Amino acid sequence: PLLATFKLAIAGNSMDFGIVSAYGDVAAFAGSALAADFGIDDYSVLRSMLERATNVLVLGDNCGEAVFDRALIEEMRRVRDCEYTYMVRGRPIINDVTLSDAVSIGLDRVATLIESGCGAPGFVLSECTAEARERFLSADLVISKGQGNYDALSEAPRDVFFLLLVKCSVVSRHLGAPVGAAVLEHHRAS
């Protein structure tokens, strides 16, 4: 169930109204997501780290996919019941998840919600609040959703797991995964 929930959380990243304006059959969408292989698959490493974690930080991305993020946190809690924090943007930007979006779908019932303080469409560490930076640097496990967060954190000073769909040729070349691929990549701090 955890692997399936990760696949759905990544597939939910396609719910980006900055790119697509309409979606088809939800059952077909879910079926395709569950059947697809990862373009980069570091799930076993993530699972192992989750089983030892005491605090997990999930960096949200688009508001549409946040419902999958809630399901993901619920399923991760079944594997490891520890402290979970869900970080949202500091203010509305494009279609990224905000505090009011997260509360409206009940993410506050499964994780502590905090705002990054950053108004960019990605988690830019230098633009975040002191609390956001501290949570990012001190979490046992950081799960970063979406390409905007990947753009901002691809050279992060700590280990991060990136969950995203590859949406452009630049990221495709950087990751070595084709456009459209679902990615669960473990970035190791250098």
N, C-alpha and C. Protein backbone atom coordinates (compact mmCIF):
# COMPACT_ATOMS: atom_id res chain seq x y z
N PRO A 1 0.80 -1.23 0.00
CA PRO A 1 0.00 0.00 0.00
C PRO A 1 0.84 1.28 0.00
N LEU A 2 1.99 1.26 0.69
CA LEU A 2 2.83 2.47 0.73
C LEU A 2 3.38 2.79 -0.66
N LEU A 3 3.88 1.79 -1.36
CA LEU A 3 4.40 2.01 -2.71
C LEU A 3 3.30 2.56 -3.62
N ALA A 4 2.11 2.00 -3.54
CA ALA A 4 0.99 2.48 -4.36
C ALA A 4 0.67 3.93 -4.03
N THR A 5 0.72 4.28 -2.76
CA THR A 5 0.42 5.66 -2.37
C THR A 5 1.49 6.62 -2.86
N PHE A 6 2.74 6.19 -2.86
CA PHE A 6 3.81 7.03 -3.43
C PHE A 6 3.57 7.23 -4.92
N LYS A 7 3.19 6.17 -5.62
CA LYS A 7 2.94 6.30 -7.06
C LYS A 7 1.79 7.28 -7.33
N LEU A 8 0.73 7.20 -6.54
CA LEU A 8 -0.39 8.13 -6.72
C LEU A 8 0.01 9.56 -6.36
N ALA A 9 0.83 9.72 -5.31
CA ALA A 9 1.28 11.07 -4.93
C ALA A 9 2.13 11.69 -6.03
N ILE A 10 2.93 10.87 -6.70
CA ILE A 10 3.73 11.39 -7.81
C ILE A 10 2.83 11.68 -9.01
N ALA A 11 1.93 10.76 -9.31
CA ALA A 11 1.01 10.98 -10.43
C ALA A 11 0.17 12.23 -10.21
N GLY A 12 -0.17 12.50 -8.96
CA GLY A 12 -0.93 13.71 -8.64
C GLY A 12 -0.20 14.97 -9.05
N ASN A 13 1.11 14.88 -9.21
CA ASN A 13 1.90 16.03 -9.64
C ASN A 13 1.53 16.46 -11.06
N SER A 14 0.82 15.60 -11.79
CA SER A 14 0.35 16.01 -13.12
C SER A 14 -0.81 16.99 -13.01
N MET A 15 -1.39 17.12 -11.82
CA MET A 15 -2.49 18.06 -11.61
C MET A 15 -1.94 19.47 -11.46
N ASP A 16 -1.31 19.92 -12.50
CA ASP A 16 -0.65 21.22 -12.52
C ASP A 16 -1.36 22.07 -13.56
N PHE A 17 -2.25 22.94 -13.09
CA PHE A 17 -3.02 23.75 -14.02
C PHE A 17 -2.16 24.80 -14.73
N GLY A 18 -0.88 24.90 -14.35
CA GLY A 18 0.05 25.72 -15.10
C GLY A 18 0.43 25.04 -16.42
N ILE A 19 0.13 23.73 -16.51
CA ILE A 19 0.52 22.96 -17.69
C ILE A 19 -0.70 22.35 -18.39
N VAL A 20 -1.61 21.76 -17.63
CA VAL A 20 -2.78 21.07 -18.18
C VAL A 20 -4.04 21.72 -17.64
N SER A 21 -5.05 21.86 -18.46
CA SER A 21 -6.26 22.54 -18.01
C SER A 21 -7.43 21.61 -17.74
N ALA A 22 -7.35 20.34 -18.15
CA ALA A 22 -8.45 19.41 -17.92
C ALA A 22 -7.91 18.01 -17.72
N TYR A 23 -8.65 17.21 -16.98
CA TYR A 23 -8.24 15.84 -16.68
C TYR A 23 -9.37 14.91 -17.09
N GLY A 24 -9.01 13.72 -17.47
CA GLY A 24 -10.00 12.74 -17.90
C GLY A 24 -10.49 11.88 -16.76
N ASP A 25 -10.74 10.64 -17.04
CA ASP A 25 -11.28 9.65 -16.13
C ASP A 25 -10.31 9.41 -14.97
N VAL A 26 -10.76 9.66 -13.75
CA VAL A 26 -9.91 9.52 -12.57
C VAL A 26 -9.49 8.06 -12.37
N ALA A 27 -10.38 7.11 -12.61
CA ALA A 27 -10.04 5.70 -12.45
C ALA A 27 -8.93 5.29 -13.43
N ALA A 28 -9.02 5.77 -14.67
CA ALA A 28 -7.98 5.47 -15.66
C ALA A 28 -6.67 6.13 -15.25
N PHE A 29 -6.75 7.35 -14.75
CA PHE A 29 -5.57 8.07 -14.26
C PHE A 29 -4.87 7.26 -13.16
N ALA A 30 -5.64 6.80 -12.17
CA ALA A 30 -5.08 6.03 -11.06
C ALA A 30 -4.51 4.70 -11.55
N GLY A 31 -5.23 4.03 -12.42
CA GLY A 31 -4.75 2.76 -12.95
C GLY A 31 -3.44 2.89 -13.69
N SER A 32 -3.32 3.92 -14.50
CA SER A 32 -2.07 4.16 -15.23
C SER A 32 -0.93 4.46 -14.27
N ALA A 33 -1.20 5.25 -13.24
CA ALA A 33 -0.17 5.59 -12.26
C ALA A 33 0.33 4.36 -11.53
N LEU A 34 -0.57 3.49 -11.14
CA LEU A 34 -0.19 2.30 -10.38
C LEU A 34 0.56 1.29 -11.25
N ALA A 35 0.25 1.24 -12.53
CA ALA A 35 0.89 0.27 -13.43
C ALA A 35 2.27 0.73 -13.90
N ALA A 36 2.52 2.02 -13.86
CA ALA A 36 3.76 2.58 -14.41
C ALA A 36 4.96 2.28 -13.52
N ASP A 37 6.10 2.04 -14.16
CA ASP A 37 7.36 1.91 -13.44
C ASP A 37 7.95 3.30 -13.24
N PHE A 38 8.77 3.43 -12.21
CA PHE A 38 9.47 4.69 -11.98
C PHE A 38 10.60 4.86 -13.01
N GLY A 39 10.81 6.10 -13.45
CA GLY A 39 11.97 6.42 -14.27
C GLY A 39 13.24 6.37 -13.43
N ILE A 40 13.13 6.76 -12.17
CA ILE A 40 14.18 6.61 -11.16
C ILE A 40 13.49 6.06 -9.93
N ASP A 41 14.00 4.97 -9.40
CA ASP A 41 13.31 4.26 -8.33
C ASP A 41 14.21 4.05 -7.11
N ASP A 42 14.13 4.97 -6.16
CA ASP A 42 14.86 4.85 -4.89
C ASP A 42 13.88 4.57 -3.75
N TYR A 43 12.78 3.88 -4.07
CA TYR A 43 11.75 3.59 -3.07
C TYR A 43 12.31 2.78 -1.90
N SER A 44 13.11 1.77 -2.16
CA SER A 44 13.60 0.92 -1.07
C SER A 44 14.46 1.71 -0.09
N VAL A 45 15.22 2.67 -0.57
CA VAL A 45 16.04 3.52 0.31
C VAL A 45 15.11 4.40 1.15
N LEU A 46 14.11 4.99 0.50
CA LEU A 46 13.15 5.84 1.23
C LEU A 46 12.43 5.03 2.30
N ARG A 47 11.96 3.85 1.95
CA ARG A 47 11.24 3.01 2.90
C ARG A 47 12.11 2.69 4.11
N SER A 48 13.36 2.36 3.88
CA SER A 48 14.28 2.05 4.96
C SER A 48 14.50 3.26 5.87
N MET A 49 14.66 4.43 5.29
CA MET A 49 14.86 5.65 6.09
C MET A 49 13.58 6.01 6.86
N LEU A 50 12.42 5.80 6.23
CA LEU A 50 11.15 6.08 6.90
C LEU A 50 11.00 5.21 8.14
N GLU A 51 11.36 3.96 8.04
CA GLU A 51 11.20 3.04 9.17
C GLU A 51 12.02 3.43 10.40
N ARG A 52 13.03 4.29 10.21
CA ARG A 52 13.87 4.75 11.33
C ARG A 52 13.61 6.21 11.72
N ALA A 53 12.79 6.91 10.96
CA ALA A 53 12.61 8.36 11.16
C ALA A 53 11.84 8.68 12.44
N THR A 54 12.17 9.82 13.03
CA THR A 54 11.38 10.35 14.15
C THR A 54 10.64 11.61 13.74
N ASN A 55 11.11 12.27 12.67
CA ASN A 55 10.39 13.42 12.14
C ASN A 55 10.58 13.49 10.63
N VAL A 56 9.45 13.65 9.93
CA VAL A 56 9.42 13.65 8.47
C VAL A 56 8.85 14.98 8.01
N LEU A 57 9.51 15.59 7.03
CA LEU A 57 9.03 16.83 6.43
C LEU A 57 8.64 16.56 4.98
N VAL A 58 7.42 16.95 4.62
CA VAL A 58 6.95 16.85 3.23
C VAL A 58 6.78 18.27 2.72
N LEU A 59 7.46 18.58 1.62
CA LEU A 59 7.35 19.90 0.98
C LEU A 59 6.28 19.80 -0.10
N GLY A 60 5.17 20.50 0.09
CA GLY A 60 4.07 20.46 -0.87
C GLY A 60 4.39 21.19 -2.15
N ASP A 61 3.58 20.94 -3.17
CA ASP A 61 3.76 21.60 -4.46
C ASP A 61 2.42 22.18 -4.91
N ASN A 62 1.72 21.53 -5.83
CA ASN A 62 0.47 22.08 -6.37
C ASN A 62 -0.72 21.76 -5.47
N CYS A 63 -1.68 22.68 -5.45
CA CYS A 63 -2.85 22.48 -4.58
C CYS A 63 -3.66 21.26 -4.99
N GLY A 64 -3.76 20.95 -6.27
CA GLY A 64 -4.55 19.80 -6.71
C GLY A 64 -4.02 18.48 -6.22
N GLU A 65 -2.72 18.35 -6.11
CA GLU A 65 -2.13 17.08 -5.70
C GLU A 65 -2.07 16.93 -4.18
N ALA A 66 -2.37 17.96 -3.44
CA ALA A 66 -2.26 17.91 -1.97
C ALA A 66 -3.18 16.83 -1.37
N VAL A 67 -4.29 16.50 -2.03
CA VAL A 67 -5.15 15.43 -1.52
C VAL A 67 -4.41 14.10 -1.53
N PHE A 68 -3.55 13.89 -2.52
CA PHE A 68 -2.73 12.68 -2.56
C PHE A 68 -1.65 12.73 -1.48
N ASP A 69 -1.17 13.94 -1.18
CA ASP A 69 -0.16 14.10 -0.13
C ASP A 69 -0.74 13.71 1.23
N ARG A 70 -2.01 14.06 1.45
CA ARG A 70 -2.65 13.66 2.70
C ARG A 70 -2.71 12.13 2.80
N ALA A 71 -3.14 11.48 1.72
CA ALA A 71 -3.19 10.01 1.71
C ALA A 71 -1.80 9.42 1.92
N LEU A 72 -0.79 10.05 1.33
CA LEU A 72 0.58 9.58 1.49
C LEU A 72 1.02 9.65 2.95
N ILE A 73 0.75 10.77 3.61
CA ILE A 73 1.13 10.91 5.02
C ILE A 73 0.37 9.92 5.88
N GLU A 74 -0.90 9.71 5.59
CA GLU A 74 -1.68 8.72 6.34
C GLU A 74 -1.06 7.33 6.21
N GLU A 75 -0.65 6.97 5.00
CA GLU A 75 -0.06 5.65 4.78
C GLU A 75 1.33 5.56 5.40
N MET A 76 2.11 6.64 5.32
CA MET A 76 3.43 6.62 5.97
C MET A 76 3.27 6.44 7.48
N ARG A 77 2.24 7.04 8.06
CA ARG A 77 1.98 6.89 9.50
C ARG A 77 1.71 5.43 9.87
N ARG A 78 1.12 4.66 8.95
CA ARG A 78 0.87 3.24 9.22
C ARG A 78 2.20 2.47 9.31
N VAL A 79 3.19 2.93 8.54
CA VAL A 79 4.51 2.30 8.56
C VAL A 79 5.34 2.83 9.72
N ARG A 80 5.29 4.13 9.94
CA ARG A 80 6.08 4.77 10.99
C ARG A 80 5.29 5.93 11.58
N ASP A 81 4.78 5.72 12.77
CA ASP A 81 4.01 6.76 13.44
C ASP A 81 4.98 7.67 14.19
N CYS A 82 5.30 8.77 13.56
CA CYS A 82 6.23 9.74 14.14
C CYS A 82 5.71 11.15 13.84
N GLU A 83 6.52 12.14 14.02
CA GLU A 83 6.13 13.53 13.76
C GLU A 83 6.20 13.80 12.25
N TYR A 84 5.11 14.35 11.71
CA TYR A 84 5.07 14.73 10.30
C TYR A 84 4.77 16.22 10.20
N THR A 85 5.51 16.89 9.32
CA THR A 85 5.27 18.30 9.03
C THR A 85 5.04 18.43 7.53
N TYR A 86 4.04 19.22 7.16
CA TYR A 86 3.75 19.49 5.76
C TYR A 86 3.95 20.98 5.54
N MET A 87 4.87 21.33 4.63
CA MET A 87 5.20 22.73 4.39
C MET A 87 4.55 23.22 3.10
N VAL A 88 3.90 24.37 3.20
CA VAL A 88 3.23 25.01 2.07
C VAL A 88 3.96 26.29 1.71
N ARG A 89 3.58 26.89 0.59
CA ARG A 89 4.20 28.15 0.17
C ARG A 89 3.87 29.27 1.17
N GLY A 90 4.69 30.29 1.14
CA GLY A 90 4.50 31.42 2.05
C GLY A 90 3.37 32.34 1.63
N ARG A 91 3.00 32.29 0.37
CA ARG A 91 1.88 33.09 -0.15
C ARG A 91 1.46 32.48 -1.48
N PRO A 92 0.28 32.84 -1.98
CA PRO A 92 -0.17 32.26 -3.25
C PRO A 92 0.80 32.56 -4.39
N ILE A 93 1.16 31.51 -5.11
CA ILE A 93 2.01 31.63 -6.29
C ILE A 93 1.55 30.56 -7.29
N ILE A 94 1.23 30.96 -8.49
CA ILE A 94 0.70 30.09 -9.54
C ILE A 94 -0.45 29.27 -8.94
N ASN A 95 -0.30 27.95 -8.83
CA ASN A 95 -1.35 27.10 -8.27
C ASN A 95 -0.81 26.26 -7.11
N ASP A 96 0.23 26.76 -6.46
CA ASP A 96 0.87 26.00 -5.39
C ASP A 96 0.03 26.00 -4.13
N VAL A 97 0.18 24.94 -3.35
CA VAL A 97 -0.62 24.74 -2.15
C VAL A 97 -0.29 25.80 -1.09
N THR A 98 -1.35 26.37 -0.52
CA THR A 98 -1.22 27.36 0.55
C THR A 98 -1.76 26.75 1.84
N LEU A 99 -1.61 27.48 2.92
CA LEU A 99 -2.09 27.02 4.22
C LEU A 99 -3.60 26.78 4.18
N SER A 100 -4.36 27.69 3.61
CA SER A 100 -5.81 27.50 3.57
C SER A 100 -6.21 26.29 2.72
N ASP A 101 -5.47 26.04 1.62
CA ASP A 101 -5.73 24.83 0.81
C ASP A 101 -5.51 23.58 1.65
N ALA A 102 -4.40 23.53 2.37
CA ALA A 102 -4.04 22.35 3.16
C ALA A 102 -5.07 22.10 4.26
N VAL A 103 -5.50 23.16 4.92
CA VAL A 103 -6.50 23.01 5.98
C VAL A 103 -7.83 22.54 5.39
N SER A 104 -8.19 23.05 4.21
CA SER A 104 -9.49 22.70 3.62
C SER A 104 -9.61 21.21 3.28
N ILE A 105 -8.49 20.53 3.09
CA ILE A 105 -8.55 19.09 2.79
C ILE A 105 -8.12 18.23 3.99
N GLY A 106 -7.93 18.86 5.13
CA GLY A 106 -7.65 18.11 6.35
C GLY A 106 -6.22 17.68 6.56
N LEU A 107 -5.28 18.28 5.85
CA LEU A 107 -3.88 17.94 6.07
C LEU A 107 -3.45 18.28 7.50
N ASP A 108 -4.12 19.24 8.12
CA ASP A 108 -3.79 19.61 9.50
C ASP A 108 -4.14 18.51 10.49
N ARG A 109 -4.92 17.53 10.06
CA ARG A 109 -5.27 16.41 10.94
C ARG A 109 -4.25 15.28 10.87
N VAL A 110 -3.34 15.33 9.89
CA VAL A 110 -2.33 14.27 9.77
C VAL A 110 -0.90 14.77 9.89
N ALA A 111 -0.72 16.10 9.89
CA ALA A 111 0.62 16.67 9.97
C ALA A 111 0.54 18.09 10.53
N THR A 112 1.64 18.53 11.09
CA THR A 112 1.77 19.93 11.48
C THR A 112 1.97 20.74 10.20
N LEU A 113 1.21 21.80 10.03
CA LEU A 113 1.33 22.62 8.83
C LEU A 113 2.15 23.86 9.14
N ILE A 114 3.09 24.19 8.26
CA ILE A 114 3.82 25.45 8.38
C ILE A 114 4.00 26.04 6.99
N GLU A 115 4.13 27.36 6.97
CA GLU A 115 4.40 28.08 5.73
C GLU A 115 5.90 28.24 5.58
N SER A 116 6.37 28.17 4.36
CA SER A 116 7.81 28.31 4.10
C SER A 116 8.27 29.75 4.23
N GLY A 117 7.36 30.69 4.00
CA GLY A 117 7.76 32.09 3.97
C GLY A 117 8.26 32.50 2.60
N CYS A 118 8.47 31.54 1.73
CA CYS A 118 9.01 31.78 0.39
C CYS A 118 7.85 31.97 -0.59
N GLY A 119 7.95 32.98 -1.44
CA GLY A 119 6.92 33.25 -2.42
C GLY A 119 7.26 32.72 -3.80
N ALA A 120 8.38 32.02 -3.92
CA ALA A 120 8.77 31.45 -5.22
C ALA A 120 8.05 30.12 -5.44
N PRO A 121 7.94 29.67 -6.69
CA PRO A 121 7.30 28.38 -6.96
C PRO A 121 8.25 27.20 -6.71
N GLY A 122 8.92 27.26 -5.58
CA GLY A 122 9.85 26.22 -5.16
C GLY A 122 10.37 26.59 -3.78
N PHE A 123 10.97 25.62 -3.10
CA PHE A 123 11.48 25.84 -1.75
C PHE A 123 12.90 26.39 -1.86
N VAL A 124 13.00 27.73 -1.89
CA VAL A 124 14.30 28.41 -1.99
C VAL A 124 14.75 28.65 -0.55
N LEU A 125 15.70 27.88 -0.10
CA LEU A 125 16.13 27.87 1.29
C LEU A 125 16.47 29.26 1.81
N SER A 126 17.18 30.05 1.02
CA SER A 126 17.61 31.38 1.48
C SER A 126 16.45 32.36 1.63
N GLU A 127 15.28 32.06 1.03
CA GLU A 127 14.12 32.95 1.12
C GLU A 127 13.09 32.49 2.15
N CYS A 128 13.37 31.40 2.83
CA CYS A 128 12.42 30.83 3.78
C CYS A 128 12.61 31.41 5.18
N THR A 129 11.59 31.24 6.00
CA THR A 129 11.67 31.69 7.39
C THR A 129 12.70 30.85 8.14
N ALA A 130 13.14 31.36 9.27
CA ALA A 130 14.09 30.62 10.11
C ALA A 130 13.48 29.28 10.53
N GLU A 131 12.19 29.27 10.87
CA GLU A 131 11.53 28.02 11.27
C GLU A 131 11.52 27.02 10.12
N ALA A 132 11.22 27.48 8.92
CA ALA A 132 11.19 26.58 7.75
C ALA A 132 12.57 26.01 7.48
N ARG A 133 13.59 26.85 7.53
CA ARG A 133 14.97 26.37 7.31
C ARG A 133 15.37 25.35 8.37
N GLU A 134 15.01 25.64 9.63
CA GLU A 134 15.37 24.72 10.72
C GLU A 134 14.67 23.38 10.55
N ARG A 135 13.39 23.38 10.19
CA ARG A 135 12.67 22.12 9.96
C ARG A 135 13.28 21.34 8.80
N PHE A 136 13.64 22.05 7.75
CA PHE A 136 14.25 21.41 6.59
C PHE A 136 15.58 20.76 6.95
N LEU A 137 16.40 21.47 7.68
CA LEU A 137 17.73 20.96 8.00
C LEU A 137 17.73 19.90 9.09
N SER A 138 16.74 19.92 9.98
CA SER A 138 16.76 18.99 11.11
C SER A 138 15.90 17.74 10.93
N ALA A 139 15.05 17.69 9.93
CA ALA A 139 14.19 16.52 9.73
C ALA A 139 15.04 15.28 9.42
N ASP A 140 14.59 14.15 9.92
CA ASP A 140 15.27 12.89 9.60
C ASP A 140 15.08 12.51 8.14
N LEU A 141 13.93 12.90 7.60
CA LEU A 141 13.58 12.53 6.24
C LEU A 141 12.84 13.70 5.60
N VAL A 142 13.32 14.15 4.44
CA VAL A 142 12.65 15.22 3.69
C VAL A 142 12.17 14.64 2.37
N ILE A 143 10.88 14.82 2.11
CA ILE A 143 10.25 14.39 0.86
C ILE A 143 9.77 15.65 0.16
N SER A 144 10.31 15.90 -1.01
CA SER A 144 10.03 17.11 -1.77
C SER A 144 9.19 16.77 -2.98
N LYS A 145 8.03 17.42 -3.09
CA LYS A 145 7.09 17.16 -4.18
C LYS A 145 7.30 18.18 -5.30
N GLY A 146 7.30 17.70 -6.52
CA GLY A 146 7.19 18.57 -7.68
C GLY A 146 8.49 19.11 -8.25
N GLN A 147 8.36 19.57 -9.49
CA GLN A 147 9.51 20.05 -10.24
C GLN A 147 10.01 21.40 -9.74
N GLY A 148 9.12 22.27 -9.25
CA GLY A 148 9.58 23.56 -8.72
C GLY A 148 10.48 23.39 -7.52
N ASN A 149 10.10 22.48 -6.63
CA ASN A 149 10.95 22.19 -5.47
C ASN A 149 12.24 21.51 -5.92
N TYR A 150 12.16 20.65 -6.92
CA TYR A 150 13.38 20.02 -7.45
C TYR A 150 14.33 21.08 -7.99
N ASP A 151 13.79 22.02 -8.78
CA ASP A 151 14.62 23.09 -9.33
C ASP A 151 15.36 23.84 -8.23
N ALA A 152 14.65 24.11 -7.14
CA ALA A 152 15.24 24.89 -6.05
C ALA A 152 16.19 24.08 -5.17
N LEU A 153 16.00 22.76 -5.11
CA LEU A 153 16.75 21.95 -4.14
C LEU A 153 17.62 20.87 -4.76
N SER A 154 17.82 20.88 -6.06
CA SER A 154 18.57 19.80 -6.71
C SER A 154 20.02 19.74 -6.24
N GLU A 155 20.49 20.79 -5.60
CA GLU A 155 21.84 20.78 -5.02
C GLU A 155 21.77 21.09 -3.53
N ALA A 156 20.75 20.58 -2.88
CA ALA A 156 20.51 20.84 -1.46
C ALA A 156 21.68 20.36 -0.59
N PRO A 157 21.89 21.04 0.55
CA PRO A 157 22.99 20.67 1.44
C PRO A 157 22.67 19.48 2.35
N ARG A 158 21.63 18.74 2.03
CA ARG A 158 21.25 17.57 2.82
C ARG A 158 20.55 16.56 1.92
N ASP A 159 20.35 15.36 2.42
CA ASP A 159 19.62 14.34 1.66
C ASP A 159 18.15 14.76 1.52
N VAL A 160 17.61 14.57 0.33
CA VAL A 160 16.21 14.87 0.02
C VAL A 160 15.71 13.80 -0.93
N PHE A 161 14.48 13.36 -0.74
CA PHE A 161 13.82 12.48 -1.71
C PHE A 161 12.90 13.33 -2.57
N PHE A 162 13.12 13.29 -3.88
CA PHE A 162 12.30 14.05 -4.82
C PHE A 162 11.24 13.14 -5.42
N LEU A 163 9.99 13.59 -5.36
CA LEU A 163 8.86 12.90 -5.97
C LEU A 163 8.30 13.85 -7.02
N LEU A 164 8.37 13.48 -8.28
CA LEU A 164 7.89 14.37 -9.33
C LEU A 164 7.65 13.62 -10.62
N LEU A 165 6.93 14.29 -11.49
CA LEU A 165 6.84 13.87 -12.89
C LEU A 165 7.76 14.78 -13.67
N VAL A 166 8.56 14.21 -14.54
CA VAL A 166 9.45 15.01 -15.37
C VAL A 166 8.59 15.70 -16.42
N LYS A 167 8.62 17.04 -16.40
CA LYS A 167 7.72 17.81 -17.27
C LYS A 167 8.43 18.60 -18.36
N CYS A 168 9.76 18.59 -18.36
CA CYS A 168 10.46 19.37 -19.40
C CYS A 168 11.79 18.71 -19.73
N SER A 169 12.34 19.09 -20.87
CA SER A 169 13.59 18.48 -21.35
C SER A 169 14.79 18.84 -20.48
N VAL A 170 14.79 20.01 -19.87
CA VAL A 170 15.91 20.42 -19.01
C VAL A 170 16.02 19.48 -17.81
N VAL A 171 14.91 19.25 -17.12
CA VAL A 171 14.91 18.36 -15.97
C VAL A 171 15.15 16.92 -16.43
N SER A 172 14.63 16.56 -17.58
CA SER A 172 14.87 15.23 -18.14
C SER A 172 16.37 14.98 -18.29
N ARG A 173 17.07 15.93 -18.88
CA ARG A 173 18.52 15.78 -19.06
C ARG A 173 19.24 15.74 -17.71
N HIS A 174 18.84 16.59 -16.79
CA HIS A 174 19.50 16.67 -15.48
C HIS A 174 19.34 15.38 -14.70
N LEU A 175 18.14 14.80 -14.72
CA LEU A 175 17.88 13.57 -13.98
C LEU A 175 18.25 12.30 -14.75
N GLY A 176 18.28 12.41 -16.08
CA GLY A 176 18.50 11.21 -16.89
C GLY A 176 17.26 10.34 -16.98
N ALA A 177 16.10 10.96 -16.92
CA ALA A 177 14.82 10.25 -17.03
C ALA A 177 13.98 10.96 -18.10
N PRO A 178 13.19 10.21 -18.87
CA PRO A 178 12.44 10.83 -19.96
C PRO A 178 11.31 11.74 -19.47
N VAL A 179 10.94 12.69 -20.31
CA VAL A 179 9.78 13.54 -20.02
C VAL A 179 8.57 12.63 -19.84
N GLY A 180 7.80 12.88 -18.80
CA GLY A 180 6.63 12.08 -18.48
C GLY A 180 6.90 11.00 -17.45
N ALA A 181 8.17 10.74 -17.13
CA ALA A 181 8.51 9.68 -16.18
C ALA A 181 8.19 10.11 -14.76
N ALA A 182 7.73 9.15 -13.97
CA ALA A 182 7.56 9.34 -12.53
C ALA A 182 8.90 9.07 -11.87
N VAL A 183 9.30 9.98 -10.98
CA VAL A 183 10.62 9.90 -10.36
C VAL A 183 10.49 9.88 -8.85
N LEU A 184 11.19 8.95 -8.23
CA LEU A 184 11.37 8.93 -6.78
C LEU A 184 12.88 8.81 -6.59
N GLU A 185 13.53 9.96 -6.47
CA GLU A 185 14.98 10.02 -6.47
C GLU A 185 15.52 10.45 -5.11
N HIS A 186 16.54 9.74 -4.66
CA HIS A 186 17.25 10.09 -3.43
C HIS A 186 18.44 10.96 -3.79
N HIS A 187 18.33 12.25 -3.47
CA HIS A 187 19.46 13.17 -3.64
C HIS A 187 20.31 13.07 -2.39
N ARG A 188 21.57 12.77 -2.58
CA ARG A 188 22.49 12.69 -1.46
C ARG A 188 23.31 13.96 -1.39
N ALA A 189 23.39 14.54 -0.20
CA ALA A 189 24.16 15.76 0.00
C ALA A 189 25.62 15.48 -0.33
N SER A 190 26.25 16.45 -1.01
CA SER A 190 27.66 16.24 -1.34
C SER A 190 28.57 16.73 -0.25
